[in-house]
């Protein structure tokens, strides 16, 4: 159920988003460029990894987007992770998550 909710939020955020399986989980692309990957293991949590694809790119000086919600944990300025432990956390983060996905897609497809 949690995976389906997250899929729905991501796919409904932008009509250009396509879905495939990559790195053992659902992966979301714009113009065949990887942007968000769902990590479904270990089963006690689901993580959404926001990134700019598999190719190494120059690291931006600042974070790609602003996240006032605190939902994202930043690994680098172009890679962040949102972690959800249950359906309640997903529902609670719905508005912020949709906003984050829209901003991420906008900023990484320029």
N, C-alpha and C. Protein backbone atom coordinates (compact mmCIF):
# COMPACT_ATOMS: atom_id res chain seq x y z
N UNK A 1 0.82 -1.20 0.00
CA UNK A 1 0.00 0.00 0.00
C UNK A 1 0.87 1.27 0.00
N UNK A 2 1.92 1.29 0.82
CA UNK A 2 2.78 2.46 0.89
C UNK A 2 3.46 2.74 -0.45
N UNK A 3 3.92 1.67 -1.10
CA UNK A 3 4.59 1.83 -2.40
C UNK A 3 3.62 2.42 -3.41
N UNK A 4 2.39 1.92 -3.42
CA UNK A 4 1.38 2.42 -4.36
C UNK A 4 1.08 3.90 -4.13
N UNK A 5 0.98 4.30 -2.86
CA UNK A 5 0.72 5.71 -2.54
C UNK A 5 1.84 6.60 -3.06
N UNK A 6 3.08 6.20 -2.81
CA UNK A 6 4.22 6.99 -3.28
C UNK A 6 4.26 7.04 -4.80
N UNK A 7 4.01 5.91 -5.44
CA UNK A 7 3.97 5.88 -6.91
C UNK A 7 2.94 6.89 -7.43
N UNK A 8 1.76 6.87 -6.82
CA UNK A 8 0.68 7.76 -7.24
C UNK A 8 1.09 9.23 -7.10
N UNK A 9 1.67 9.59 -5.96
CA UNK A 9 2.10 10.98 -5.73
C UNK A 9 3.13 11.40 -6.78
N UNK A 10 4.10 10.54 -7.03
CA UNK A 10 5.16 10.89 -7.98
C UNK A 10 4.61 11.01 -9.39
N UNK A 11 3.88 10.00 -9.84
CA UNK A 11 3.37 9.99 -11.21
C UNK A 11 2.37 11.11 -11.47
N UNK A 12 1.62 11.51 -10.46
CA UNK A 12 0.65 12.60 -10.62
C UNK A 12 1.27 13.98 -10.49
N UNK A 13 2.53 14.05 -10.11
CA UNK A 13 3.20 15.35 -9.92
C UNK A 13 3.54 16.03 -11.24
N UNK A 14 3.79 15.24 -12.28
CA UNK A 14 4.19 15.80 -13.57
C UNK A 14 3.84 14.78 -14.65
N UNK A 15 3.09 15.19 -15.64
CA UNK A 15 2.63 14.27 -16.70
C UNK A 15 3.78 13.68 -17.51
N UNK A 16 4.96 14.30 -17.47
CA UNK A 16 6.11 13.82 -18.24
C UNK A 16 6.86 12.68 -17.56
N UNK A 17 6.56 12.43 -16.30
CA UNK A 17 7.29 11.40 -15.55
C UNK A 17 6.92 10.01 -16.05
N UNK A 18 7.94 9.21 -16.31
CA UNK A 18 7.74 7.81 -16.67
C UNK A 18 8.35 6.93 -15.59
N UNK A 19 7.89 5.69 -15.54
CA UNK A 19 8.32 4.77 -14.49
C UNK A 19 8.94 3.53 -15.11
N UNK A 20 10.01 3.04 -14.49
CA UNK A 20 10.60 1.77 -14.86
C UNK A 20 11.18 1.14 -13.60
N UNK A 21 11.83 0.01 -13.74
CA UNK A 21 12.50 -0.63 -12.60
C UNK A 21 14.00 -0.52 -12.83
N UNK A 22 14.68 -0.01 -11.83
CA UNK A 22 16.13 0.15 -11.91
C UNK A 22 16.68 0.08 -10.49
N UNK A 23 17.84 -0.45 -10.33
CA UNK A 23 18.45 -0.57 -9.01
C UNK A 23 17.50 -1.29 -8.04
N UNK A 24 16.80 -2.31 -8.53
CA UNK A 24 15.90 -3.16 -7.73
C UNK A 24 14.69 -2.43 -7.15
N UNK A 25 14.25 -1.38 -7.79
CA UNK A 25 13.06 -0.69 -7.30
C UNK A 25 12.46 0.21 -8.35
N UNK A 26 11.28 0.75 -8.06
CA UNK A 26 10.66 1.70 -8.99
C UNK A 26 11.57 2.91 -9.20
N UNK A 27 11.67 3.34 -10.44
CA UNK A 27 12.53 4.45 -10.81
C UNK A 27 11.73 5.39 -11.71
N UNK A 28 11.93 6.69 -11.52
CA UNK A 28 11.14 7.69 -12.23
C UNK A 28 12.05 8.59 -13.04
N UNK A 29 11.64 8.82 -14.30
CA UNK A 29 12.47 9.53 -15.27
C UNK A 29 11.71 10.68 -15.91
N UNK A 30 12.48 11.62 -16.42
CA UNK A 30 11.98 12.65 -17.33
C UNK A 30 12.87 12.57 -18.56
N UNK A 31 12.29 12.42 -19.73
CA UNK A 31 13.06 12.30 -20.97
C UNK A 31 14.13 11.20 -20.88
N UNK A 32 13.76 10.08 -20.28
CA UNK A 32 14.66 8.92 -20.09
C UNK A 32 15.86 9.22 -19.21
N UNK A 33 15.81 10.28 -18.42
CA UNK A 33 16.87 10.61 -17.47
C UNK A 33 16.36 10.33 -16.07
N UNK A 34 17.07 9.47 -15.34
CA UNK A 34 16.67 9.10 -13.98
C UNK A 34 16.67 10.31 -13.06
N UNK A 35 15.63 10.42 -12.24
CA UNK A 35 15.53 11.55 -11.32
C UNK A 35 15.16 11.14 -9.89
N UNK A 36 14.30 10.12 -9.75
CA UNK A 36 13.86 9.68 -8.42
C UNK A 36 13.83 8.16 -8.43
N UNK A 37 14.39 7.55 -7.40
CA UNK A 37 14.39 6.10 -7.29
C UNK A 37 13.83 5.71 -5.93
N UNK A 38 12.96 4.70 -5.92
CA UNK A 38 12.38 4.22 -4.67
C UNK A 38 13.20 3.03 -4.17
N UNK A 39 13.62 3.12 -2.93
CA UNK A 39 14.35 2.03 -2.29
C UNK A 39 13.37 1.34 -1.34
N UNK A 40 13.04 0.08 -1.63
CA UNK A 40 12.02 -0.62 -0.86
C UNK A 40 12.59 -1.62 0.14
N UNK A 41 13.89 -1.75 0.21
CA UNK A 41 14.54 -2.63 1.17
C UNK A 41 15.43 -1.81 2.09
N UNK A 42 15.50 -2.08 3.36
CA UNK A 42 14.81 -3.13 4.10
C UNK A 42 13.32 -2.82 4.23
N UNK A 43 12.50 -3.86 4.48
CA UNK A 43 11.05 -3.69 4.46
C UNK A 43 10.48 -2.77 5.55
N UNK A 44 11.26 -2.37 6.54
CA UNK A 44 10.72 -1.52 7.61
C UNK A 44 10.58 -0.06 7.20
N UNK A 45 11.05 0.29 5.99
CA UNK A 45 10.95 1.67 5.52
C UNK A 45 11.01 1.72 4.00
N UNK A 46 10.54 2.83 3.44
CA UNK A 46 10.67 3.09 2.01
C UNK A 46 11.38 4.43 1.88
N UNK A 47 12.37 4.48 1.01
CA UNK A 47 13.08 5.73 0.78
C UNK A 47 12.91 6.17 -0.66
N UNK A 48 12.76 7.47 -0.84
CA UNK A 48 12.80 8.07 -2.17
C UNK A 48 14.14 8.77 -2.29
N UNK A 49 14.92 8.38 -3.27
CA UNK A 49 16.21 9.00 -3.51
C UNK A 49 16.06 9.97 -4.67
N UNK A 50 16.30 11.23 -4.39
CA UNK A 50 16.24 12.29 -5.40
C UNK A 50 17.65 12.50 -5.91
N UNK A 51 17.84 12.37 -7.23
CA UNK A 51 19.19 12.43 -7.79
C UNK A 51 19.14 12.97 -9.21
N UNK A 52 20.31 13.04 -9.85
CA UNK A 52 20.40 13.54 -11.24
C UNK A 52 20.85 12.45 -12.20
N UNK A 53 20.68 11.19 -11.83
CA UNK A 53 21.04 10.09 -12.71
C UNK A 53 22.33 9.42 -12.31
N UNK A 54 22.70 8.40 -13.08
CA UNK A 54 23.86 7.58 -12.75
C UNK A 54 25.18 8.21 -13.18
N UNK A 55 25.15 9.08 -14.16
CA UNK A 55 26.39 9.71 -14.64
C UNK A 55 26.90 10.73 -13.64
N UNK A 56 28.20 10.71 -13.39
CA UNK A 56 28.82 11.67 -12.49
C UNK A 56 28.77 13.05 -13.15
N UNK A 57 28.28 14.02 -12.41
CA UNK A 57 28.19 15.39 -12.89
C UNK A 57 28.87 16.32 -11.89
N UNK A 58 29.21 17.49 -12.35
CA UNK A 58 29.80 18.47 -11.44
C UNK A 58 28.79 18.79 -10.34
N UNK A 59 29.26 18.78 -9.11
CA UNK A 59 28.39 19.04 -7.97
C UNK A 59 28.01 20.52 -7.92
N UNK A 60 26.72 20.83 -7.80
CA UNK A 60 26.33 22.23 -7.69
C UNK A 60 26.83 22.84 -6.38
N UNK A 61 27.03 24.15 -6.37
CA UNK A 61 27.51 24.84 -5.16
C UNK A 61 26.46 24.81 -4.06
N UNK A 62 25.20 24.86 -4.45
CA UNK A 62 24.10 24.86 -3.48
C UNK A 62 23.19 23.67 -3.73
N UNK A 63 22.34 23.40 -2.75
CA UNK A 63 21.36 22.32 -2.92
C UNK A 63 20.45 22.64 -4.10
N UNK A 64 20.05 21.61 -4.80
CA UNK A 64 19.24 21.78 -6.01
C UNK A 64 17.93 22.49 -5.72
N UNK A 65 17.28 22.15 -4.61
CA UNK A 65 16.02 22.82 -4.24
C UNK A 65 16.06 23.18 -2.76
N UNK A 66 15.18 24.07 -2.38
CA UNK A 66 14.97 24.38 -0.97
C UNK A 66 13.89 23.45 -0.45
N UNK A 67 14.07 22.94 0.75
CA UNK A 67 13.07 22.08 1.39
C UNK A 67 12.83 22.57 2.80
N UNK A 68 11.84 23.42 2.95
CA UNK A 68 11.51 23.96 4.27
C UNK A 68 10.77 22.94 5.13
N UNK A 69 10.27 21.86 4.52
CA UNK A 69 9.50 20.86 5.26
C UNK A 69 10.37 19.98 6.14
N UNK A 70 11.65 19.87 5.81
CA UNK A 70 12.53 18.98 6.56
C UNK A 70 12.39 17.52 6.16
N UNK A 71 11.63 17.27 5.11
CA UNK A 71 11.41 15.90 4.64
C UNK A 71 12.67 15.28 4.05
N UNK A 72 13.51 16.10 3.44
CA UNK A 72 14.71 15.60 2.77
C UNK A 72 15.93 15.60 3.69
N UNK A 73 16.69 14.54 3.61
CA UNK A 73 18.02 14.46 4.22
C UNK A 73 19.00 14.54 3.06
N UNK A 74 19.85 15.55 3.09
CA UNK A 74 20.77 15.79 1.97
C UNK A 74 22.04 14.98 2.13
N UNK A 75 22.39 14.21 1.10
CA UNK A 75 23.63 13.44 1.07
C UNK A 75 24.73 14.26 0.40
N UNK A 76 24.37 14.96 -0.68
CA UNK A 76 25.22 15.92 -1.37
C UNK A 76 24.28 17.00 -1.89
N UNK A 77 24.80 18.04 -2.50
CA UNK A 77 23.93 19.12 -2.99
C UNK A 77 23.02 18.68 -4.13
N UNK A 78 23.31 17.53 -4.75
CA UNK A 78 22.44 17.05 -5.83
C UNK A 78 21.85 15.66 -5.54
N UNK A 79 21.81 15.30 -4.26
CA UNK A 79 21.26 13.99 -3.87
C UNK A 79 20.65 14.10 -2.48
N UNK A 80 19.36 13.74 -2.40
CA UNK A 80 18.66 13.81 -1.12
C UNK A 80 17.76 12.58 -0.97
N UNK A 81 17.41 12.28 0.28
CA UNK A 81 16.60 11.10 0.58
C UNK A 81 15.44 11.49 1.49
N UNK A 82 14.25 10.99 1.14
CA UNK A 82 13.07 11.11 2.00
C UNK A 82 12.73 9.70 2.48
N UNK A 83 12.55 9.52 3.79
CA UNK A 83 12.29 8.20 4.36
C UNK A 83 10.90 8.16 4.97
N UNK A 84 10.18 7.08 4.67
CA UNK A 84 8.83 6.88 5.20
C UNK A 84 8.77 5.50 5.85
N UNK A 85 8.26 5.44 7.08
CA UNK A 85 8.20 4.18 7.82
C UNK A 85 6.81 3.53 7.79
N UNK A 86 5.79 4.32 7.41
CA UNK A 86 4.44 3.76 7.37
C UNK A 86 3.53 4.65 6.53
N UNK A 87 2.30 4.17 6.30
CA UNK A 87 1.34 4.90 5.46
C UNK A 87 0.99 6.26 6.07
N UNK A 88 0.97 6.35 7.39
CA UNK A 88 0.66 7.61 8.06
C UNK A 88 1.69 8.69 7.74
N UNK A 89 2.97 8.32 7.75
CA UNK A 89 4.02 9.28 7.40
C UNK A 89 3.90 9.73 5.95
N UNK A 90 3.52 8.81 5.08
CA UNK A 90 3.35 9.16 3.67
C UNK A 90 2.20 10.14 3.51
N UNK A 91 1.08 9.84 4.14
CA UNK A 91 -0.09 10.72 4.04
C UNK A 91 0.22 12.09 4.64
N UNK A 92 0.92 12.11 5.76
CA UNK A 92 1.28 13.37 6.42
C UNK A 92 2.20 14.21 5.53
N UNK A 93 3.07 13.57 4.78
CA UNK A 93 4.02 14.29 3.94
C UNK A 93 3.54 14.54 2.52
N UNK A 94 2.30 14.18 2.22
CA UNK A 94 1.78 14.22 0.85
C UNK A 94 1.97 15.57 0.16
N UNK A 95 1.53 16.65 0.79
CA UNK A 95 1.60 17.98 0.17
C UNK A 95 3.06 18.37 -0.05
N UNK A 96 3.88 18.18 0.97
CA UNK A 96 5.30 18.53 0.84
C UNK A 96 6.00 17.66 -0.20
N UNK A 97 5.67 16.38 -0.22
CA UNK A 97 6.31 15.47 -1.17
C UNK A 97 5.96 15.85 -2.61
N UNK A 98 4.71 16.15 -2.85
CA UNK A 98 4.30 16.56 -4.20
C UNK A 98 5.04 17.81 -4.63
N UNK A 99 5.16 18.76 -3.71
CA UNK A 99 5.89 20.00 -3.99
C UNK A 99 7.37 19.72 -4.28
N UNK A 100 7.97 18.85 -3.48
CA UNK A 100 9.38 18.50 -3.66
C UNK A 100 9.60 17.84 -5.02
N UNK A 101 8.73 16.91 -5.39
CA UNK A 101 8.87 16.23 -6.69
C UNK A 101 8.79 17.24 -7.82
N UNK A 102 7.81 18.13 -7.76
CA UNK A 102 7.65 19.14 -8.81
C UNK A 102 8.89 20.03 -8.92
N UNK A 103 9.38 20.50 -7.77
CA UNK A 103 10.58 21.35 -7.77
C UNK A 103 11.79 20.59 -8.31
N UNK A 104 11.95 19.34 -7.86
CA UNK A 104 13.10 18.54 -8.27
C UNK A 104 13.12 18.35 -9.78
N UNK A 105 11.96 17.98 -10.33
CA UNK A 105 11.86 17.78 -11.78
C UNK A 105 12.16 19.08 -12.51
N UNK A 106 11.60 20.16 -12.03
CA UNK A 106 11.82 21.46 -12.67
C UNK A 106 13.30 21.84 -12.67
N UNK A 107 13.96 21.69 -11.54
CA UNK A 107 15.35 22.12 -11.41
C UNK A 107 16.35 21.18 -12.07
N UNK A 108 15.99 19.92 -12.24
CA UNK A 108 16.95 18.97 -12.83
C UNK A 108 16.71 18.71 -14.31
N UNK A 109 15.75 19.41 -14.90
CA UNK A 109 15.50 19.22 -16.34
C UNK A 109 15.67 20.51 -17.12
N UNK A 110 16.45 21.42 -16.59
CA UNK A 110 16.69 22.70 -17.27
C UNK A 110 17.59 22.51 -18.47
